[in-house]
Amino acid sequence: MKAKIDGLIKKFKIELASKYGKEGLAVFGKPTAAEVAELKALKPEIMAELKRRAAERWAAENAKKAAEEAARQEEIRAMKAGERFNSS
């Protein structure tokens, strides 16, 4: 099932969308009637997968920012202490 959802997301470049405060899917391309029916049937699972991916991306970005901030703070601490700090 996950492979099918991943395939649909990739094939139609599906993204999360919001209109008038209501969440939905943005589908690019022109799905056939059968594919539209399949997309509608799998909509909750597709939305859940896209939200999961967004959450993972957000967590990775925050972890990277936190690591960069920690390195910056360490450099500031080293400068205040008069230590040499090599940034490579």
PDB file of N, CA and C in Angstrom:
ATOM      1  N   MET A   1       0.828  -1.194   0.000  1.00  0.00           N
ATOM      2  CA  MET A   1       0.000   0.000   0.000  1.00  0.00           C
ATOM      3  C   MET A   1       0.871   1.256   0.000  1.00  0.00           C
ATOM      4  N   LYS A   2       1.951   1.264   0.807  1.00  0.00           N
ATOM      5  CA  LYS A   2       2.824   2.433   0.872  1.00  0.00           C
ATOM      6  C   LYS A   2       3.468   2.693  -0.479  1.00  0.00           C
ATOM      7  N   ALA A   3       3.854   1.625  -1.163  1.00  0.00           N
ATOM      8  CA  ALA A   3       4.478   1.788  -2.485  1.00  0.00           C
ATOM      9  C   ALA A   3       3.481   2.399  -3.468  1.00  0.00           C
ATOM     10  N   LYS A   4       2.242   2.003  -3.359  1.00  0.00           N
ATOM     11  CA  LYS A   4       1.201   2.537  -4.244  1.00  0.00           C
ATOM     12  C   LYS A   4       1.004   4.029  -3.980  1.00  0.00           C
ATOM     13  N   ILE A   5       0.945   4.398  -2.711  1.00  0.00           N
ATOM     14  CA  ILE A   5       0.766   5.804  -2.336  1.00  0.00           C
ATOM     15  C   ILE A   5       1.973   6.618  -2.790  1.00  0.00           C
ATOM     16  N   ASP A   6       3.190   6.091  -2.560  1.00  0.00           N
ATOM     17  CA  ASP A   6       4.399   6.781  -3.000  1.00  0.00           C
ATOM     18  C   ASP A   6       4.400   6.965  -4.512  1.00  0.00           C
ATOM     19  N   GLY A   7       3.969   5.945  -5.229  1.00  0.00           N
ATOM     20  CA  GLY A   7       3.909   6.014  -6.683  1.00  0.00           C
ATOM     21  C   GLY A   7       2.939   7.083  -7.163  1.00  0.00           C
ATOM     22  N   LEU A   8       1.780   7.173  -6.528  1.00  0.00           N
ATOM     23  CA  LEU A   8       0.795   8.189  -6.901  1.00  0.00           C
ATOM     24  C   LEU A   8       1.311   9.591  -6.593  1.00  0.00           C
ATOM     25  N   ILE A   9       1.941   9.746  -5.433  1.00  0.00           N
ATOM     26  CA  ILE A   9       2.483  11.053  -5.044  1.00  0.00           C
ATOM     27  C   ILE A   9       3.527  11.496  -6.062  1.00  0.00           C
ATOM     28  N   LYS A  10       4.380  10.582  -6.460  1.00  0.00           N
ATOM     29  CA  LYS A  10       5.435  10.908  -7.415  1.00  0.00           C
ATOM     30  C   LYS A  10       4.858  11.155  -8.810  1.00  0.00           C
ATOM     31  N   LYS A  11       3.944  10.305  -9.234  1.00  0.00           N
ATOM     32  CA  LYS A  11       3.384  10.394 -10.589  1.00  0.00           C
ATOM     33  C   LYS A  11       2.653  11.713 -10.817  1.00  0.00           C
ATOM     34  N   PHE A  12       1.849  12.124  -9.833  1.00  0.00           N
ATOM     35  CA  PHE A  12       1.033  13.321  -9.998  1.00  0.00           C
ATOM     36  C   PHE A  12       1.579  14.525  -9.225  1.00  0.00           C
ATOM     37  N   LYS A  13       2.797  14.390  -8.661  1.00  0.00           N
ATOM     38  CA  LYS A  13       3.417  15.476  -7.904  1.00  0.00           C
ATOM     39  C   LYS A  13       2.427  16.064  -6.890  1.00  0.00           C
ATOM     40  N   ILE A  14       1.810  15.186  -6.127  1.00  0.00           N
ATOM     41  CA  ILE A  14       0.774  15.579  -5.172  1.00  0.00           C
ATOM     42  C   ILE A  14       1.400  16.329  -4.004  1.00  0.00           C
ATOM     43  N   GLU A  15       0.752  17.422  -3.616  1.00  0.00           N
ATOM     44  CA  GLU A  15       1.191  18.228  -2.478  1.00  0.00           C
ATOM     45  C   GLU A  15       0.000  18.520  -1.589  1.00  0.00           C
ATOM     46  N   LEU A  16       0.292  18.838  -0.331  1.00  0.00           N
ATOM     47  CA  LEU A  16      -0.761  19.304   0.564  1.00  0.00           C
ATOM     48  C   LEU A  16      -1.165  20.705   0.132  1.00  0.00           C
ATOM     49  N   ALA A  17      -2.460  20.986   0.193  1.00  0.00           N
ATOM     50  CA  ALA A  17      -2.953  22.309  -0.173  1.00  0.00           C
ATOM     51  C   ALA A  17      -4.031  22.711   0.822  1.00  0.00           C
ATOM     52  N   SER A  18      -4.299  23.988   0.864  1.00  0.00           N
ATOM     53  CA  SER A  18      -5.336  24.510   1.753  1.00  0.00           C
ATOM     54  C   SER A  18      -6.106  25.577   0.999  1.00  0.00           C
ATOM     55  N   LYS A  19      -7.419  25.485   1.058  1.00  0.00           N
ATOM     56  CA  LYS A  19      -8.271  26.465   0.393  1.00  0.00           C
ATOM     57  C   LYS A  19      -9.456  26.745   1.305  1.00  0.00           C
ATOM     58  N   TYR A  20      -9.654  28.022   1.587  1.00  0.00           N
ATOM     59  CA  TYR A  20     -10.739  28.445   2.479  1.00  0.00           C
ATOM     60  C   TYR A  20     -10.650  27.751   3.839  1.00  0.00           C
ATOM     61  N   GLY A  21      -9.429  27.512   4.294  1.00  0.00           N
ATOM     62  CA  GLY A  21      -9.218  26.895   5.595  1.00  0.00           C
ATOM     63  C   GLY A  21      -9.415  25.390   5.621  1.00  0.00           C
ATOM     64  N   LYS A  22      -9.669  24.801   4.475  1.00  0.00           N
ATOM     65  CA  LYS A  22      -9.897  23.359   4.406  1.00  0.00           C
ATOM     66  C   LYS A  22      -8.694  22.693   3.733  1.00  0.00           C
ATOM     67  N   GLU A  23      -8.169  21.645   4.375  1.00  0.00           N
ATOM     68  CA  GLU A  23      -7.019  20.942   3.820  1.00  0.00           C
ATOM     69  C   GLU A  23      -7.451  20.029   2.685  1.00  0.00           C
ATOM     70  N   GLY A  24      -6.557  19.905   1.731  1.00  0.00           N
ATOM     71  CA  GLY A  24      -6.823  19.028   0.603  1.00  0.00           C
ATOM     72  C   GLY A  24      -5.522  18.676  -0.092  1.00  0.00           C
ATOM     73  N   LEU A  25      -5.659  18.178  -1.314  1.00  0.00           N
ATOM     74  CA  LEU A  25      -4.508  17.784  -2.099  1.00  0.00           C
ATOM     75  C   LEU A  25      -4.438  18.603  -3.378  1.00  0.00           C
ATOM     76  N   ALA A  26      -3.246  18.972  -3.773  1.00  0.00           N
ATOM     77  CA  ALA A  26      -3.018  19.599  -5.073  1.00  0.00           C
ATOM     78  C   ALA A  26      -2.416  18.524  -5.968  1.00  0.00           C
ATOM     79  N   VAL A  27      -3.127  18.192  -7.042  1.00  0.00           N
ATOM     80  CA  VAL A  27      -2.699  17.139  -7.951  1.00  0.00           C
ATOM     81  C   VAL A  27      -2.318  17.789  -9.272  1.00  0.00           C
ATOM     82  N   PHE A  28      -1.103  17.541  -9.720  1.00  0.00           N
ATOM     83  CA  PHE A  28      -0.630  18.094 -10.983  1.00  0.00           C
ATOM     84  C   PHE A  28      -0.632  16.987 -12.021  1.00  0.00           C
ATOM     85  N   GLY A  29      -1.009  17.306 -13.210  1.00  0.00           N
ATOM     86  CA  GLY A  29      -1.141  16.290 -14.244  1.00  0.00           C
ATOM     87  C   GLY A  29      -2.623  16.060 -14.486  1.00  0.00           C
ATOM     88  N   LYS A  30      -2.921  15.122 -15.341  1.00  0.00           N
ATOM     89  CA  LYS A  30      -4.317  14.852 -15.667  1.00  0.00           C
ATOM     90  C   LYS A  30      -4.610  13.369 -15.438  1.00  0.00           C
ATOM     91  N   PRO A  31      -5.089  13.035 -14.245  1.00  0.00           N
ATOM     92  CA  PRO A  31      -5.396  11.632 -13.974  1.00  0.00           C
ATOM     93  C   PRO A  31      -6.650  11.189 -14.739  1.00  0.00           C
ATOM     94  N   THR A  32      -6.684   9.922 -15.077  1.00  0.00           N
ATOM     95  CA  THR A  32      -7.870   9.360 -15.733  1.00  0.00           C
ATOM     96  C   THR A  32      -8.984   9.241 -14.698  1.00  0.00           C
ATOM     97  N   ALA A  33     -10.178   8.902 -15.160  1.00  0.00           N
ATOM     98  CA  ALA A  33     -11.315   8.752 -14.246  1.00  0.00           C
ATOM     99  C   ALA A  33     -11.031   7.669 -13.206  1.00  0.00           C
ATOM    100  N   ALA A  34     -10.404   6.587 -13.633  1.00  0.00           N
ATOM    101  CA  ALA A  34     -10.075   5.503 -12.701  1.00  0.00           C
ATOM    102  C   ALA A  34      -9.050   5.986 -11.674  1.00  0.00           C
ATOM    103  N   GLU A  35      -8.070   6.772 -12.130  1.00  0.00           N
ATOM    104  CA  GLU A  35      -7.053   7.288 -11.212  1.00  0.00           C
ATOM    105  C   GLU A  35      -7.653   8.306 -10.243  1.00  0.00           C
ATOM    106  N   VAL A  36      -8.610   9.110 -10.712  1.00  0.00           N
ATOM    107  CA  VAL A  36      -9.288  10.059  -9.819  1.00  0.00           C
ATOM    108  C   VAL A  36     -10.022   9.302  -8.725  1.00  0.00           C
ATOM    109  N   ALA A  37     -10.710   8.229  -9.104  1.00  0.00           N
ATOM    110  CA  ALA A  37     -11.424   7.416  -8.117  1.00  0.00           C
ATOM    111  C   ALA A  37     -10.451   6.818  -7.110  1.00  0.00           C
ATOM    112  N   GLU A  38      -9.305   6.359  -7.607  1.00  0.00           N
ATOM    113  CA  GLU A  38      -8.289   5.786  -6.719  1.00  0.00           C
ATOM    114  C   GLU A  38      -7.731   6.852  -5.773  1.00  0.00           C
ATOM    115  N   LEU A  39      -7.469   8.052  -6.314  1.00  0.00           N
ATOM    116  CA  LEU A  39      -6.964   9.144  -5.482  1.00  0.00           C
ATOM    117  C   LEU A  39      -7.969   9.512  -4.396  1.00  0.00           C
ATOM    118  N   LYS A  40      -9.237   9.567  -4.761  1.00  0.00           N
ATOM    119  CA  LYS A  40     -10.267   9.904  -3.777  1.00  0.00           C
ATOM    120  C   LYS A  40     -10.355   8.838  -2.697  1.00  0.00           C
ATOM    121  N   ALA A  41     -10.237   7.572  -3.100  1.00  0.00           N
ATOM    122  CA  ALA A  41     -10.315   6.480  -2.130  1.00  0.00           C
ATOM    123  C   ALA A  41      -9.119   6.492  -1.179  1.00  0.00           C
ATOM    124  N   LEU A  42      -7.969   6.880  -1.694  1.00  0.00           N
ATOM    125  CA  LEU A  42      -6.737   6.870  -0.887  1.00  0.00           C
ATOM    126  C   LEU A  42      -6.396   8.234  -0.293  1.00  0.00           C
ATOM    127  N   LYS A  43      -7.279   9.203  -0.430  1.00  0.00           N
ATOM    128  CA  LYS A  43      -6.992  10.561   0.025  1.00  0.00           C
ATOM    129  C   LYS A  43      -6.520  10.633   1.483  1.00  0.00           C
ATOM    130  N   PRO A  44      -7.206   9.988   2.430  1.00  0.00           N
ATOM    131  CA  PRO A  44      -6.728  10.084   3.829  1.00  0.00           C
ATOM    132  C   PRO A  44      -5.301   9.539   4.004  1.00  0.00           C
ATOM    133  N   GLU A  45      -5.002   8.428   3.335  1.00  0.00           N
ATOM    134  CA  GLU A  45      -3.673   7.835   3.457  1.00  0.00           C
ATOM    135  C   GLU A  45      -2.619   8.723   2.786  1.00  0.00           C
ATOM    136  N   ILE A  46      -2.967   9.309   1.634  1.00  0.00           N
ATOM    137  CA  ILE A  46      -2.031  10.201   0.938  1.00  0.00           C
ATOM    138  C   ILE A  46      -1.754  11.429   1.801  1.00  0.00           C
ATOM    139  N   MET A  47      -2.802  12.011   2.373  1.00  0.00           N
ATOM    140  CA  MET A  47      -2.621  13.185   3.227  1.00  0.00           C
ATOM    141  C   MET A  47      -1.764  12.844   4.445  1.00  0.00           C
ATOM    142  N   ALA A  48      -2.001  11.690   5.040  1.00  0.00           N
ATOM    143  CA  ALA A  48      -1.212  11.276   6.200  1.00  0.00           C
ATOM    144  C   ALA A  48       0.259  11.125   5.825  1.00  0.00           C
ATOM    145  N   GLU A  49       0.531  10.541   4.659  1.00  0.00           N
ATOM    146  CA  GLU A  49       1.912  10.364   4.208  1.00  0.00           C
ATOM    147  C   GLU A  49       2.575  11.714   3.946  1.00  0.00           C
ATOM    148  N   LEU A  50       1.873  12.632   3.301  1.00  0.00           N
ATOM    149  CA  LEU A  50       2.440  13.951   3.029  1.00  0.00           C
ATOM    150  C   LEU A  50       2.690  14.729   4.320  1.00  0.00           C
ATOM    151  N   LYS A  51       1.803  14.592   5.296  1.00  0.00           N
ATOM    152  CA  LYS A  51       1.999  15.254   6.594  1.00  0.00           C
ATOM    153  C   LYS A  51       3.189  14.651   7.332  1.00  0.00           C
ATOM    154  N   ARG A  52       3.344  13.325   7.218  1.00  0.00           N
ATOM    155  CA  ARG A  52       4.481  12.657   7.856  1.00  0.00           C
ATOM    156  C   ARG A  52       5.790  13.150   7.248  1.00  0.00           C
ATOM    157  N   ARG A  53       5.815  13.257   5.919  1.00  0.00           N
ATOM    158  CA  ARG A  53       7.015  13.739   5.238  1.00  0.00           C
ATOM    159  C   ARG A  53       7.329  15.176   5.636  1.00  0.00           C
ATOM    160  N   ALA A  54       6.291  16.002   5.716  1.00  0.00           N
ATOM    161  CA  ALA A  54       6.491  17.400   6.106  1.00  0.00           C
ATOM    162  C   ALA A  54       7.040  17.485   7.527  1.00  0.00           C
ATOM    163  N   ALA A  55       6.519  16.648   8.426  1.00  0.00           N
ATOM    164  CA  ALA A  55       6.987  16.641   9.809  1.00  0.00           C
ATOM    165  C   ALA A  55       8.452  16.200   9.884  1.00  0.00           C
ATOM    166  N   GLU A  56       8.819  15.196   9.100  1.00  0.00           N
ATOM    167  CA  GLU A  56      10.214  14.746   9.072  1.00  0.00           C
ATOM    168  C   GLU A  56      11.127  15.847   8.555  1.00  0.00           C
ATOM    169  N   ARG A  57      10.697  16.516   7.482  1.00  0.00           N
ATOM    170  CA  ARG A  57      11.487  17.604   6.903  1.00  0.00           C
ATOM    171  C   ARG A  57      11.654  18.732   7.920  1.00  0.00           C
ATOM    172  N   TRP A  58      10.569  19.073   8.626  1.00  0.00           N
ATOM    173  CA  TRP A  58      10.602  20.131   9.632  1.00  0.00           C
ATOM    174  C   TRP A  58      11.565  19.759  10.763  1.00  0.00           C
ATOM    175  N   ALA A  59      11.487  18.510  11.218  1.00  0.00           N
ATOM    176  CA  ALA A  59      12.362  18.058  12.307  1.00  0.00           C
ATOM    177  C   ALA A  59      13.827  18.089  11.880  1.00  0.00           C
ATOM    178  N   ALA A  60      14.111  17.671  10.646  1.00  0.00           N
ATOM    179  CA  ALA A  60      15.487  17.675  10.154  1.00  0.00           C
ATOM    180  C   ALA A  60      16.017  19.103  10.050  1.00  0.00           C
ATOM    181  N   GLU A  61      15.181  20.012   9.559  1.00  0.00           N
ATOM    182  CA  GLU A  61      15.606  21.413   9.448  1.00  0.00           C
ATOM    183  C   GLU A  61      15.877  22.007  10.829  1.00  0.00           C
ATOM    184  N   ASN A  62      15.014  21.709  11.791  1.00  0.00           N
ATOM    185  CA  ASN A  62      15.208  22.225  13.146  1.00  0.00           C
ATOM    186  C   ASN A  62      16.447  21.641  13.799  1.00  0.00           C
ATOM    187  N   ALA A  63      16.721  20.367  13.567  1.00  0.00           N
ATOM    188  CA  ALA A  63      17.920  19.744  14.124  1.00  0.00           C
ATOM    189  C   ALA A  63      19.172  20.385  13.525  1.00  0.00           C
ATOM    190  N   LYS A  64      19.129  20.663  12.226  1.00  0.00           N
ATOM    191  CA  LYS A  64      20.271  21.302  11.566  1.00  0.00           C
ATOM    192  C   LYS A  64      20.483  22.710  12.122  1.00  0.00           C
ATOM    193  N   LYS A  65      19.392  23.462  12.287  1.00  0.00           N
ATOM    194  CA  LYS A  65      19.496  24.812  12.842  1.00  0.00           C
ATOM    195  C   LYS A  65      20.043  24.776  14.261  1.00  0.00           C
ATOM    196  N   ALA A  66      19.590  23.809  15.053  1.00  0.00           N
ATOM    197  CA  ALA A  66      20.053  23.691  16.434  1.00  0.00           C
ATOM    198  C   ALA A  66      21.545  23.372  16.472  1.00  0.00           C
ATOM    199  N   ALA A  67      21.989  22.498  15.577  1.00  0.00           N
ATOM    200  CA  ALA A  67      23.415  22.153  15.532  1.00  0.00           C
ATOM    201  C   ALA A  67      24.252  23.364  15.117  1.00  0.00           C
ATOM    202  N   GLU A  68      23.757  24.114  14.146  1.00  0.00           N
ATOM    203  CA  GLU A  68      24.472  25.313  13.716  1.00  0.00           C
ATOM    204  C   GLU A  68      24.543  26.345  14.843  1.00  0.00           C
ATOM    205  N   GLU A  69      23.441  26.514  15.563  1.00  0.00           N
ATOM    206  CA  GLU A  69      23.404  27.464  16.675  1.00  0.00           C
ATOM    207  C   GLU A  69      24.351  27.014  17.789  1.00  0.00           C
ATOM    208  N   ALA A  70      24.395  25.710  18.069  1.00  0.00           N
ATOM    209  CA  ALA A  70      25.298  25.190  19.092  1.00  0.00           C
ATOM    210  C   ALA A  70      26.748  25.452  18.697  1.00  0.00           C
ATOM    211  N   ALA A  71      27.068  25.263  17.417  1.00  0.00           N
ATOM    212  CA  ALA A  71      28.432  25.525  16.947  1.00  0.00           C
ATOM    213  C   ALA A  71      28.756  27.010  17.067  1.00  0.00           C
ATOM    214  N   ARG A  72      27.788  27.863  16.733  1.00  0.00           N
ATOM    215  CA  ARG A  72      27.994  29.310  16.859  1.00  0.00           C
ATOM    216  C   ARG A  72      28.221  29.698  18.313  1.00  0.00           C
ATOM    217  N   GLN A  73      27.429  29.140  19.204  1.00  0.00           N
ATOM    218  CA  GLN A  73      27.574  29.451  20.628  1.00  0.00           C
ATOM    219  C   GLN A  73      28.919  28.963  21.153  1.00  0.00           C
ATOM    220  N   GLU A  74      29.360  27.807  20.697  1.00  0.00           N
ATOM    221  CA  GLU A  74      30.660  27.278  21.124  1.00  0.00           C
ATOM    222  C   GLU A  74      31.778  28.186  20.625  1.00  0.00           C
ATOM    223  N   GLU A  75      31.644  28.682  19.404  1.00  0.00           N
ATOM    224  CA  GLU A  75      32.656  29.589  18.862  1.00  0.00           C
ATOM    225  C   GLU A  75      32.694  30.888  19.673  1.00  0.00           C
ATOM    226  N   ILE A  76      31.540  31.405  20.029  1.00  0.00           N
ATOM    227  CA  ILE A  76      31.466  32.626  20.843  1.00  0.00           C
ATOM    228  C   ILE A  76      32.104  32.382  22.208  1.00  0.00           C
ATOM    229  N   ARG A  77      31.780  31.229  22.821  1.00  0.00           N
ATOM    230  CA  ARG A  77      32.352  30.889  24.117  1.00  0.00           C
ATOM    231  C   ARG A  77      33.867  30.805  24.026  1.00  0.00           C
ATOM    232  N   ALA A  78      34.370  30.173  22.964  1.00  0.00           N
ATOM    233  CA  ALA A  78      35.816  30.018  22.790  1.00  0.00           C
ATOM    234  C   ALA A  78      36.482  31.380  22.592  1.00  0.00           C
ATOM    235  N   MET A  79      35.825  32.254  21.850  1.00  0.00           N
ATOM    236  CA  MET A  79      36.394  33.590  21.619  1.00  0.00           C
ATOM    237  C   MET A  79      36.445  34.379  22.924  1.00  0.00           C
ATOM    238  N   LYS A  80      35.406  34.279  23.731  1.00  0.00           N
ATOM    239  CA  LYS A  80      35.371  34.989  25.016  1.00  0.00           C
ATOM    240  C   LYS A  80      36.437  34.445  25.960  1.00  0.00           C
ATOM    241  N   ALA A  81      36.685  33.150  25.862  1.00  0.00           N
ATOM    242  CA  ALA A  81      37.662  32.539  26.745  1.00  0.00           C
ATOM    243  C   ALA A  81      39.083  32.727  26.209  1.00  0.00           C
ATOM    244  N   GLY A  82      39.218  33.288  25.015  1.00  0.00           N
ATOM    245  CA  GLY A  82      40.545  33.523  24.441  1.00  0.00           C
ATOM    246  C   GLY A  82      41.153  32.291  23.834  1.00  0.00           C
ATOM    247  N   GLU A  83      40.352  31.297  23.569  1.00  0.00           N
ATOM    248  CA  GLU A  83      40.873  30.070  22.955  1.00  0.00           C
ATOM    249  C   GLU A  83      40.897  30.244  21.447  1.00  0.00           C
ATOM    250  N   ARG A  84      41.727  29.441  20.835  1.00  0.00           N
ATOM    251  CA  ARG A  84      41.719  29.406  19.370  1.00  0.00           C
ATOM    252  C   ARG A  84      40.632  28.455  18.937  1.00  0.00           C
ATOM    253  N   PHE A  85      39.918  28.841  17.917  1.00  0.00           N
ATOM    254  CA  PHE A  85      38.826  28.012  17.434  1.00  0.00           C
ATOM    255  C   PHE A  85      39.022  27.828  15.935  1.00  0.00           C
ATOM    256  N   ASN A  86      39.195  26.593  15.555  1.00  0.00           N
ATOM    257  CA  ASN A  86      39.329  26.282  14.121  1.00  0.00           C
ATOM    258  C   ASN A  86      37.984  25.843  13.582  1.00  0.00           C
ATOM    259  N   SER A  87      37.500  26.576  12.619  1.00  0.00           N
ATOM    260  CA  SER A  87      36.259  26.148  11.972  1.00  0.00           C
ATOM    261  C   SER A  87      36.628  25.562  10.621  1.00  0.00           C
ATOM    262  N   SER A  88      36.389  24.269  10.483  1.00  0.00           N
ATOM    263  CA  SER A  88      36.722  23.601   9.238  1.00  0.00           C
ATOM    264  C   SER A  88      35.492  23.030   8.631  1.00  0.00           C
TER     265      SER A  88
END
